Amino acid sequence: MKPIDYIHLVSEKLGIYEFNLMPIDMQAETLWDKGVFLTNLIIGKMRCNLYSLSNFYVEVEYGKEENEILEFRTFKRGKRLEKYIDQVELDDLL
């Protein structure tokens, strides 16, 4: 896709499929601009931040020592989301 196509996607309701098609730099920009930070986890040398974006979630994995993005993982439900349940304060969502 051309850069102008991405601008159109971001302004429309962005889906998980469209997000996954974006280059990593556009994914990062979209997530920082449109995503809602929910919580984070630290597992060994890995740090993961969880964001809500449109109708899906994005998990951003960072190298703890390098503090750089290693991977974006998208999902709507399942085991990846369940590991964050204890991290989210329900009172904060009300």
PDB file of N, CA and C in Angstrom:
ATOM      1  N   MET A   1       0.828  -1.189   0.000  1.00  0.00           N
ATOM      2  CA  MET A   1       0.000   0.000   0.000  1.00  0.00           C
ATOM      3  C   MET A   1       0.870   1.250   0.000  1.00  0.00           C
ATOM      4  N   LYS A   2       0.367   2.272  -0.579  1.00  0.00           N
ATOM      5  CA  LYS A   2       1.046   3.563  -0.573  1.00  0.00           C
ATOM      6  C   LYS A   2       0.794   4.240   0.770  1.00  0.00           C
ATOM      7  N   PRO A   3       1.698   5.148   1.209  1.00  0.00           N
ATOM      8  CA  PRO A   3       1.494   5.851   2.486  1.00  0.00           C
ATOM      9  C   PRO A   3       0.134   6.521   2.595  1.00  0.00           C
ATOM     10  N   ILE A   4      -0.363   7.073   1.515  1.00  0.00           N
ATOM     11  CA  ILE A   4      -1.667   7.744   1.563  1.00  0.00           C
ATOM     12  C   ILE A   4      -2.776   6.764   1.907  1.00  0.00           C
ATOM     13  N   ASP A   5      -2.630   5.493   1.480  1.00  0.00           N
ATOM     14  CA  ASP A   5      -3.619   4.476   1.803  1.00  0.00           C
ATOM     15  C   ASP A   5      -3.670   4.231   3.307  1.00  0.00           C
ATOM     16  N   TYR A   6      -2.523   4.271   3.977  1.00  0.00           N
ATOM     17  CA  TYR A   6      -2.488   4.073   5.419  1.00  0.00           C
ATOM     18  C   TYR A   6      -3.198   5.204   6.156  1.00  0.00           C
ATOM     19  N   ILE A   7      -3.016   6.412   5.675  1.00  0.00           N
ATOM     20  CA  ILE A   7      -3.702   7.545   6.298  1.00  0.00           C
ATOM     21  C   ILE A   7      -5.208   7.335   6.233  1.00  0.00           C
ATOM     22  N   HIS A   8      -5.691   6.842   5.099  1.00  0.00           N
ATOM     23  CA  HIS A   8      -7.122   6.562   4.956  1.00  0.00           C
ATOM     24  C   HIS A   8      -7.557   5.467   5.934  1.00  0.00           C
ATOM     25  N   LEU A   9      -6.762   4.409   6.070  1.00  0.00           N
ATOM     26  CA  LEU A   9      -7.117   3.316   6.983  1.00  0.00           C
ATOM     27  C   LEU A   9      -7.202   3.793   8.424  1.00  0.00           C
ATOM     28  N   VAL A  10      -6.262   4.623   8.829  1.00  0.00           N
ATOM     29  CA  VAL A  10      -6.233   5.098  10.206  1.00  0.00           C
ATOM     30  C   VAL A  10      -7.432   5.983  10.492  1.00  0.00           C
ATOM     31  N   SER A  11      -7.870   6.741   9.502  1.00  0.00           N
ATOM     32  CA  SER A  11      -9.001   7.626   9.728  1.00  0.00           C
ATOM     33  C   SER A  11     -10.330   6.855   9.726  1.00  0.00           C
ATOM     34  N   GLU A  12     -10.363   5.693   9.092  1.00  0.00           N
ATOM     35  CA  GLU A  12     -11.547   4.833   9.114  1.00  0.00           C
ATOM     36  C   GLU A  12     -11.448   3.919  10.332  1.00  0.00           C
ATOM     37  N   LYS A  13     -12.449   3.065  10.516  1.00  0.00           N
ATOM     38  CA  LYS A  13     -12.367   2.087  11.600  1.00  0.00           C
ATOM     39  C   LYS A  13     -11.336   1.037  11.212  1.00  0.00           C
ATOM     40  N   LEU A  14     -10.246   1.041  11.911  1.00  0.00           N
ATOM     41  CA  LEU A  14      -9.121   0.172  11.614  1.00  0.00           C
ATOM     42  C   LEU A  14      -9.382  -1.222  12.166  1.00  0.00           C
ATOM     43  N   GLY A  15      -9.186  -2.233  11.350  1.00  0.00           N
ATOM     44  CA  GLY A  15      -9.350  -3.612  11.783  1.00  0.00           C
ATOM     45  C   GLY A  15      -8.009  -4.274  12.035  1.00  0.00           C
ATOM     46  N   ILE A  16      -8.074  -5.419  12.672  1.00  0.00           N
ATOM     47  CA  ILE A  16      -6.862  -6.168  13.013  1.00  0.00           C
ATOM     48  C   ILE A  16      -6.083  -6.556  11.760  1.00  0.00           C
ATOM     49  N   TYR A  17      -6.788  -6.939  10.706  1.00  0.00           N
ATOM     50  CA  TYR A  17      -6.141  -7.345   9.463  1.00  0.00           C
ATOM     51  C   TYR A  17      -5.380  -6.179   8.839  1.00  0.00           C
ATOM     52  N   GLU A  18      -6.008  -5.014   8.780  1.00  0.00           N
ATOM     53  CA  GLU A  18      -5.366  -3.836   8.202  1.00  0.00           C
ATOM     54  C   GLU A  18      -4.141  -3.411   9.027  1.00  0.00           C
ATOM     55  N   PHE A  19      -4.270  -3.480  10.343  1.00  0.00           N
ATOM     56  CA  PHE A  19      -3.146  -3.136  11.213  1.00  0.00           C
ATOM     57  C   PHE A  19      -1.964  -4.061  10.946  1.00  0.00           C
ATOM     58  N   ASN A  20      -2.240  -5.357  10.818  1.00  0.00           N
ATOM     59  CA  ASN A  20      -1.173  -6.331  10.592  1.00  0.00           C
ATOM     60  C   ASN A  20      -0.494  -6.155   9.240  1.00  0.00           C
ATOM     61  N   LEU A  21      -1.177  -5.551   8.272  1.00  0.00           N
ATOM     62  CA  LEU A  21      -0.590  -5.310   6.957  1.00  0.00           C
ATOM     63  C   LEU A  21       0.359  -4.114   6.940  1.00  0.00           C
ATOM     64  N   MET A  22       0.256  -3.250   7.928  1.00  0.00           N
ATOM     65  CA  MET A  22       1.082  -2.040   7.962  1.00  0.00           C
ATOM     66  C   MET A  22       2.542  -2.380   8.249  1.00  0.00           C
ATOM     67  N   PRO A  23       3.467  -1.567   7.736  1.00  0.00           N
ATOM     68  CA  PRO A  23       4.868  -1.701   8.148  1.00  0.00           C
ATOM     69  C   PRO A  23       4.990  -1.378   9.636  1.00  0.00           C
ATOM     70  N   ILE A  24       6.006  -1.896  10.286  1.00  0.00           N
ATOM     71  CA  ILE A  24       6.146  -1.761  11.738  1.00  0.00           C
ATOM     72  C   ILE A  24       6.191  -0.299  12.188  1.00  0.00           C
ATOM     73  N   ASP A  25       6.812   0.582  11.410  1.00  0.00           N
ATOM     74  CA  ASP A  25       6.863   1.986  11.824  1.00  0.00           C
ATOM     75  C   ASP A  25       5.476   2.627  11.796  1.00  0.00           C
ATOM     76  N   MET A  26       4.643   2.235  10.838  1.00  0.00           N
ATOM     77  CA  MET A  26       3.271   2.750  10.776  1.00  0.00           C
ATOM     78  C   MET A  26       2.417   2.129  11.886  1.00  0.00           C
ATOM     79  N   GLN A  27       2.672   0.861  12.209  1.00  0.00           N
ATOM     80  CA  GLN A  27       1.963   0.238  13.322  1.00  0.00           C
ATOM     81  C   GLN A  27       2.256   1.002  14.610  1.00  0.00           C
ATOM     82  N   ALA A  28       3.526   1.303  14.834  1.00  0.00           N
ATOM     83  CA  ALA A  28       3.920   2.026  16.049  1.00  0.00           C
ATOM     84  C   ALA A  28       3.263   3.398  16.105  1.00  0.00           C
ATOM     85  N   GLU A  29       3.315   4.143  15.016  1.00  0.00           N
ATOM     86  CA  GLU A  29       2.723   5.481  14.976  1.00  0.00           C
ATOM     87  C   GLU A  29       1.211   5.421  15.229  1.00  0.00           C
ATOM     88  N   THR A  30       0.546   4.462  14.607  1.00  0.00           N
ATOM     89  CA  THR A  30      -0.899   4.306  14.779  1.00  0.00           C
ATOM     90  C   THR A  30      -1.234   3.953  16.223  1.00  0.00           C
ATOM     91  N   LEU A  31      -0.466   3.035  16.790  1.00  0.00           N
ATOM     92  CA  LEU A  31      -0.720   2.619  18.169  1.00  0.00           C
ATOM     93  C   LEU A  31      -0.518   3.767  19.146  1.00  0.00           C
ATOM     94  N   TRP A  32       0.538   4.543  18.978  1.00  0.00           N
ATOM     95  CA  TRP A  32       0.808   5.657  19.903  1.00  0.00           C
ATOM     96  C   TRP A  32      -0.245   6.750  19.751  1.00  0.00           C
ATOM     97  N   ASP A  33      -0.734   6.963  18.513  1.00  0.00           N
ATOM     98  CA  ASP A  33      -1.714   8.020  18.267  1.00  0.00           C
ATOM     99  C   ASP A  33      -3.141   7.619  18.626  1.00  0.00           C
ATOM    100  N   LYS A  34      -3.521   6.384  18.344  1.00  0.00           N
ATOM    101  CA  LYS A  34      -4.920   5.960  18.468  1.00  0.00           C
ATOM    102  C   LYS A  34      -5.172   4.931  19.565  1.00  0.00           C
ATOM    103  N   GLY A  35      -4.133   4.255  20.020  1.00  0.00           N
ATOM    104  CA  GLY A  35      -4.309   3.187  21.009  1.00  0.00           C
ATOM    105  C   GLY A  35      -4.498   3.715  22.419  1.00  0.00           C
ATOM    106  N   VAL A  36      -5.070   2.869  23.259  1.00  0.00           N
ATOM    107  CA  VAL A  36      -5.266   3.192  24.676  1.00  0.00           C
ATOM    108  C   VAL A  36      -4.440   2.205  25.497  1.00  0.00           C
ATOM    109  N   PHE A  37      -3.457   2.731  26.240  1.00  0.00           N
ATOM    110  CA  PHE A  37      -2.623   1.878  27.087  1.00  0.00           C
ATOM    111  C   PHE A  37      -3.475   1.290  28.199  1.00  0.00           C
ATOM    112  N   LEU A  38      -3.369  -0.031  28.402  1.00  0.00           N
ATOM    113  CA  LEU A  38      -4.145  -0.688  29.449  1.00  0.00           C
ATOM    114  C   LEU A  38      -3.281  -1.122  30.626  1.00  0.00           C
ATOM    115  N   THR A  39      -2.190  -1.822  30.365  1.00  0.00           N
ATOM    116  CA  THR A  39      -1.347  -2.316  31.444  1.00  0.00           C
ATOM    117  C   THR A  39      -0.054  -2.871  30.865  1.00  0.00           C
ATOM    118  N   ASN A  40       0.833  -3.322  31.754  1.00  0.00           N
ATOM    119  CA  ASN A  40       2.056  -3.964  31.285  1.00  0.00           C
ATOM    120  C   ASN A  40       2.415  -5.150  32.171  1.00  0.00           C
ATOM    121  N   LEU A  41       3.290  -5.979  31.654  1.00  0.00           N
ATOM    122  CA  LEU A  41       3.807  -7.149  32.357  1.00  0.00           C
ATOM    123  C   LEU A  41       5.317  -7.192  32.176  1.00  0.00           C
ATOM    124  N   ILE A  42       6.019  -7.655  33.196  1.00  0.00           N
ATOM    125  CA  ILE A  42       7.447  -7.908  33.061  1.00  0.00           C
ATOM    126  C   ILE A  42       7.649  -9.390  33.336  1.00  0.00           C
ATOM    127  N   ILE A  43       8.217 -10.069  32.339  1.00  0.00           N
ATOM    128  CA  ILE A  43       8.452 -11.507  32.442  1.00  0.00           C
ATOM    129  C   ILE A  43       9.918 -11.746  32.123  1.00  0.00           C
ATOM    130  N   GLY A  44      10.712 -12.007  33.146  1.00  0.00           N
ATOM    131  CA  GLY A  44      12.144 -12.201  32.927  1.00  0.00           C
ATOM    132  C   GLY A  44      12.770 -10.955  32.336  1.00  0.00           C
ATOM    133  N   LYS A  45      13.400 -11.114  31.174  1.00  0.00           N
ATOM    134  CA  LYS A  45      14.055  -9.987  30.496  1.00  0.00           C
ATOM    135  C   LYS A  45      13.143  -9.318  29.475  1.00  0.00           C
ATOM    136  N   MET A  46      11.871  -9.665  29.506  1.00  0.00           N
ATOM    137  CA  MET A  46      10.928  -9.151  28.531  1.00  0.00           C
ATOM    138  C   MET A  46       9.885  -8.272  29.220  1.00  0.00           C
ATOM    139  N   ARG A  47       9.531  -7.175  28.553  1.00  0.00           N
ATOM    140  CA  ARG A  47       8.456  -6.305  29.035  1.00  0.00           C
ATOM    141  C   ARG A  47       7.403  -6.217  27.941  1.00  0.00           C
ATOM    142  N   CYS A  48       6.139  -6.385  28.319  1.00  0.00           N
ATOM    143  CA  CYS A  48       5.035  -6.315  27.369  1.00  0.00           C
ATOM    144  C   CYS A  48       4.054  -5.244  27.820  1.00  0.00           C
ATOM    145  N   ASN A  49       3.647  -4.403  26.895  1.00  0.00           N
ATOM    146  CA  ASN A  49       2.592  -3.424  27.143  1.00  0.00           C
ATOM    147  C   ASN A  49       1.365  -3.844  26.364  1.00  0.00           C
ATOM    148  N   LEU A  50       0.203  -3.688  26.974  1.00  0.00           N
ATOM    149  CA  LEU A  50      -1.056  -4.045  26.337  1.00  0.00           C
ATOM    150  C   LEU A  50      -1.830  -2.776  26.018  1.00  0.00           C
ATOM    151  N   TYR A  51      -2.288  -2.679  24.763  1.00  0.00           N
ATOM    152  CA  TYR A  51      -3.070  -1.542  24.290  1.00  0.00           C
ATOM    153  C   TYR A  51      -4.378  -2.037  23.699  1.00  0.00           C
ATOM    154  N   SER A  52      -5.387  -1.209  23.781  1.00  0.00           N
ATOM    155  CA  SER A  52      -6.642  -1.432  23.070  1.00  0.00           C
ATOM    156  C   SER A  52      -6.634  -0.502  21.865  1.00  0.00           C
ATOM    157  N   LEU A  53      -7.001  -1.048  20.708  1.00  0.00           N
ATOM    158  CA  LEU A  53      -7.030  -0.264  19.489  1.00  0.00           C
ATOM    159  C   LEU A  53      -8.223  -0.727  18.667  1.00  0.00           C
ATOM    160  N   SER A  54      -9.169   0.162  18.446  1.00  0.00           N
ATOM    161  CA  SER A  54     -10.369  -0.169  17.688  1.00  0.00           C
ATOM    162  C   SER A  54     -11.088  -1.320  18.381  1.00  0.00           C
ATOM    163  N   ASN A  55     -11.209  -2.460  17.736  1.00  0.00           N
ATOM    164  CA  ASN A  55     -11.924  -3.602  18.337  1.00  0.00           C
ATOM    165  C   ASN A  55     -11.001  -4.786  18.603  1.00  0.00           C
ATOM    166  N   PHE A  56      -9.720  -4.505  18.858  1.00  0.00           N
ATOM    167  CA  PHE A  56      -8.762  -5.574  19.147  1.00  0.00           C
ATOM    168  C   PHE A  56      -7.681  -5.054  20.094  1.00  0.00           C
ATOM    169  N   TYR A  57      -6.813  -5.956  20.513  1.00  0.00           N
ATOM    170  CA  TYR A  57      -5.726  -5.614  21.428  1.00  0.00           C
ATOM    171  C   TYR A  57      -4.393  -5.762  20.712  1.00  0.00           C
ATOM    172  N   VAL A  58      -3.431  -4.961  21.151  1.00  0.00           N
ATOM    173  CA  VAL A  58      -2.071  -5.056  20.634  1.00  0.00           C
ATOM    174  C   VAL A  58      -1.138  -5.211  21.825  1.00  0.00           C
ATOM    175  N   GLU A  59      -0.352  -6.268  21.784  1.00  0.00           N
ATOM    176  CA  GLU A  59       0.675  -6.493  22.786  1.00  0.00           C
ATOM    177  C   GLU A  59       2.002  -6.077  22.159  1.00  0.00           C
ATOM    178  N   VAL A  60       2.706  -5.188  22.826  1.00  0.00           N
ATOM    179  CA  VAL A  60       4.003  -4.726  22.345  1.00  0.00           C
ATOM    180  C   VAL A  60       5.062  -5.334  23.242  1.00  0.00           C
ATOM    181  N   GLU A  61       5.934  -6.133  22.648  1.00  0.00           N
ATOM    182  CA  GLU A  61       7.013  -6.754  23.413  1.00  0.00           C
ATOM    183  C   GLU A  61       8.276  -5.931  23.246  1.00  0.00           C
ATOM    184  N   TYR A  62       8.872  -5.566  24.383  1.00  0.00           N
ATOM    185  CA  TYR A  62      10.101  -4.786  24.407  1.00  0.00           C
ATOM    186  C   TYR A  62      11.210  -5.652  24.990  1.00  0.00           C
ATOM    187  N   GLY A  63      12.418  -5.464  24.494  1.00  0.00           N
ATOM    188  CA  GLY A  63      13.572  -6.040  25.161  1.00  0.00           C
ATOM    189  C   GLY A  63      13.864  -5.187  26.381  1.00  0.00           C
ATOM    190  N   LYS A  64      13.881  -5.782  27.555  1.00  0.00           N
ATOM    191  CA  LYS A  64      14.036  -5.016  28.797  1.00  0.00           C
ATOM    192  C   LYS A  64      15.373  -4.280  28.852  1.00  0.00           C
ATOM    193  N   GLU A  65      16.421  -4.942  28.400  1.00  0.00           N
ATOM    194  CA  GLU A  65      17.738  -4.308  28.454  1.00  0.00           C
ATOM    195  C   GLU A  65      17.935  -3.307  27.318  1.00  0.00           C
ATOM    196  N   GLU A  66      17.455  -3.650  26.119  1.00  0.00           N
ATOM    197  CA  GLU A  66      17.640  -2.766  24.965  1.00  0.00           C
ATOM    198  C   GLU A  66      16.593  -1.663  24.910  1.00  0.00           C
ATOM    199  N   ASN A  67      15.439  -1.870  25.562  1.00  0.00           N
ATOM    200  CA  ASN A  67      14.300  -0.953  25.528  1.00  0.00           C
ATOM    201  C   ASN A  67      13.905  -0.617  24.087  1.00  0.00           C
ATOM    202  N   GLU A  68      13.848  -1.655  23.252  1.00  0.00           N
ATOM    203  CA  GLU A  68      13.408  -1.471  21.876  1.00  0.00           C
ATOM    204  C   GLU A  68      12.279  -2.451  21.586  1.00  0.00           C
ATOM    205  N   ILE A  69      11.433  -2.083  20.643  1.00  0.00           N
ATOM    206  CA  ILE A  69      10.307  -2.939  20.285  1.00  0.00           C
ATOM    207  C   ILE A  69      10.832  -4.175  19.584  1.00  0.00           C
ATOM    208  N   LEU A  70      10.419  -5.342  20.092  1.00  0.00           N
ATOM    209  CA  LEU A  70      10.783  -6.601  19.467  1.00  0.00           C
ATOM    210  C   LEU A  70       9.677  -7.117  18.557  1.00  0.00           C
ATOM    211  N   GLU A  71       8.420  -6.878  18.981  1.00  0.00           N
ATOM    212  CA  GLU A  71       7.315  -7.449  18.222  1.00  0.00           C
ATOM    213  C   GLU A  71       5.992  -6.811  18.616  1.00  0.00           C
ATOM    214  N   PHE A  72       5.083  -6.713  17.646  1.00  0.00           N
ATOM    215  CA  PHE A  72       3.683  -6.373  17.884  1.00  0.00           C
ATOM    216  C   PHE A  72       2.881  -7.659  17.701  1.00  0.00           C
ATOM    217  N   ARG A  73       1.995  -7.964  18.646  1.00  0.00           N
ATOM    218  CA  ARG A  73       1.104  -9.122  18.510  1.00  0.00           C
ATOM    219  C   ARG A  73      -0.330  -8.632  18.672  1.00  0.00           C
ATOM    220  N   THR A  74      -1.184  -9.007  17.749  1.00  0.00           N
ATOM    221  CA  THR A  74      -2.581  -8.578  17.791  1.00  0.00           C
ATOM    222  C   THR A  74      -3.481  -9.771  18.088  1.00  0.00           C
ATOM    223  N   PHE A  75      -4.572  -9.488  18.803  1.00  0.00           N
ATOM    224  CA  PHE A  75      -5.531 -10.534  19.142  1.00  0.00           C
ATOM    225  C   PHE A  75      -6.814  -9.884  19.639  1.00  0.00           C
ATOM    226  N   LYS A  76      -7.861 -10.686  19.716  1.00  0.00           N
ATOM    227  CA  LYS A  76      -9.150 -10.204  20.216  1.00  0.00           C
ATOM    228  C   LYS A  76      -9.525 -10.842  21.549  1.00  0.00           C
ATOM    229  N   ARG A  77      -9.054 -12.056  21.800  1.00  0.00           N
ATOM    230  CA  ARG A  77      -9.344 -12.762  23.053  1.00  0.00           C
ATOM    231  C   ARG A  77      -8.391 -13.937  23.175  1.00  0.00           C
ATOM    232  N   GLY A  78      -8.525 -14.682  24.259  1.00  0.00           N
ATOM    233  CA  GLY A  78      -7.733 -15.893  24.400  1.00  0.00           C
ATOM    234  C   GLY A  78      -6.631 -15.787  25.434  1.00  0.00           C
ATOM    235  N   LYS A  79      -5.700 -16.717  25.360  1.00  0.00           N
ATOM    236  CA  LYS A  79      -4.622 -16.842  26.350  1.00  0.00           C
ATOM    237  C   LYS A  79      -3.775 -15.578  26.462  1.00  0.00           C
ATOM    238  N   ARG A  80      -3.517 -14.934  25.345  1.00  0.00           N
ATOM    239  CA  ARG A  80      -2.701 -13.708  25.402  1.00  0.00           C
ATOM    240  C   ARG A  80      -3.364 -12.634  26.228  1.00  0.00           C
ATOM    241  N   LEU A  81      -4.674 -12.538  26.171  1.00  0.00           N
ATOM    242  CA  LEU A  81      -5.400 -11.539  26.959  1.00  0.00           C
ATOM    243  C   LEU A  81      -5.530 -11.982  28.414  1.00  0.00           C
ATOM    244  N   GLU A  82      -5.723 -13.266  28.641  1.00  0.00           N
ATOM    245  CA  GLU A  82      -5.939 -13.783  29.997  1.00  0.00           C
ATOM    246  C   GLU A  82      -4.771 -13.500  30.931  1.00  0.00           C
ATOM    247  N   LYS A  83      -3.550 -13.487  30.405  1.00  0.00           N
ATOM    248  CA  LYS A  83      -2.397 -13.264  31.286  1.00  0.00           C
ATOM    249  C   LYS A  83      -2.371 -11.848  31.880  1.00  0.00           C
ATOM    250  N   TYR A  84      -3.181 -10.948  31.338  1.00  0.00           N
ATOM    251  CA  TYR A  84      -3.241  -9.569  31.836  1.00  0.00           C
ATOM    252  C   TYR A  84      -4.364  -9.332  32.841  1.00  0.00           C
ATOM    253  N   ILE A  85      -5.229 -10.302  33.025  1.00  0.00           N
ATOM    254  CA  ILE A  85      -6.420 -10.110  33.860  1.00  0.00           C
ATOM    255  C   ILE A  85      -6.075  -9.599  35.258  1.00  0.00           C
ATOM    256  N   ASP A  86      -5.053 -10.163  35.874  1.00  0.00           N
ATOM    257  CA  ASP A  86      -4.678  -9.748  37.227  1.00  0.00           C
ATOM    258  C   ASP A  86      -4.060  -8.349  37.263  1.00  0.00           C
ATOM    259  N   GLN A  87      -3.643  -7.831  36.119  1.00  0.00           N
ATOM    260  CA  GLN A  87      -2.979  -6.527  36.051  1.00  0.00           C
ATOM    261  C   GLN A  87      -3.950  -5.358  35.952  1.00  0.00           C
ATOM    262  N   VAL A  88      -5.174  -5.620  35.500  1.00  0.00           N
ATOM    263  CA  VAL A  88      -6.127  -4.548  35.245  1.00  0.00           C
ATOM    264  C   VAL A  88      -7.009  -4.333  36.468  1.00  0.00           C
ATOM    265  N   GLU A  89      -7.053  -3.112  36.945  1.00  0.00           N
ATOM    266  CA  GLU A  89      -7.930  -2.743  38.047  1.00  0.00           C
ATOM    267  C   GLU A  89      -9.305  -2.396  37.495  1.00  0.00           C
ATOM    268  N   LEU A  90     -10.315  -3.155  37.865  1.00  0.00           N
ATOM    269  CA  LEU A  90     -11.650  -2.930  37.339  1.00  0.00           C
ATOM    270  C   LEU A  90     -12.200  -1.560  37.731  1.00  0.00           C
ATOM    271  N   ASP A  91     -11.854  -1.067  38.913  1.00  0.00           N
ATOM    272  CA  ASP A  91     -12.321   0.246  39.344  1.00  0.00           C
ATOM    273  C   ASP A  91     -11.824   1.353  38.405  1.00  0.00           C
ATOM    274  N   ASP A  92     -10.643   1.162  37.811  1.00  0.00           N
ATOM    275  CA  ASP A  92     -10.099   2.150  36.894  1.00  0.00           C
ATOM    276  C   ASP A  92     -10.886   2.218  35.597  1.00  0.00           C
ATOM    277  N   LEU A  93     -11.604   1.151  35.262  1.00  0.00           N
ATOM    278  CA  LEU A  93     -12.355   1.099  34.023  1.00  0.00           C
ATOM    279  C   LEU A  93     -13.749   1.699  34.153  1.00  0.00           C
ATOM    280  N   LEU A  94     -14.203   1.910  35.373  1.00  0.00           N
ATOM    281  CA  LEU A  94     -15.557   2.424  35.602  1.00  0.00           C
ATOM    282  C   LEU A  94     -15.587   3.943  35.611  1.00  0.00           C
TER     283      LEU A  94
END
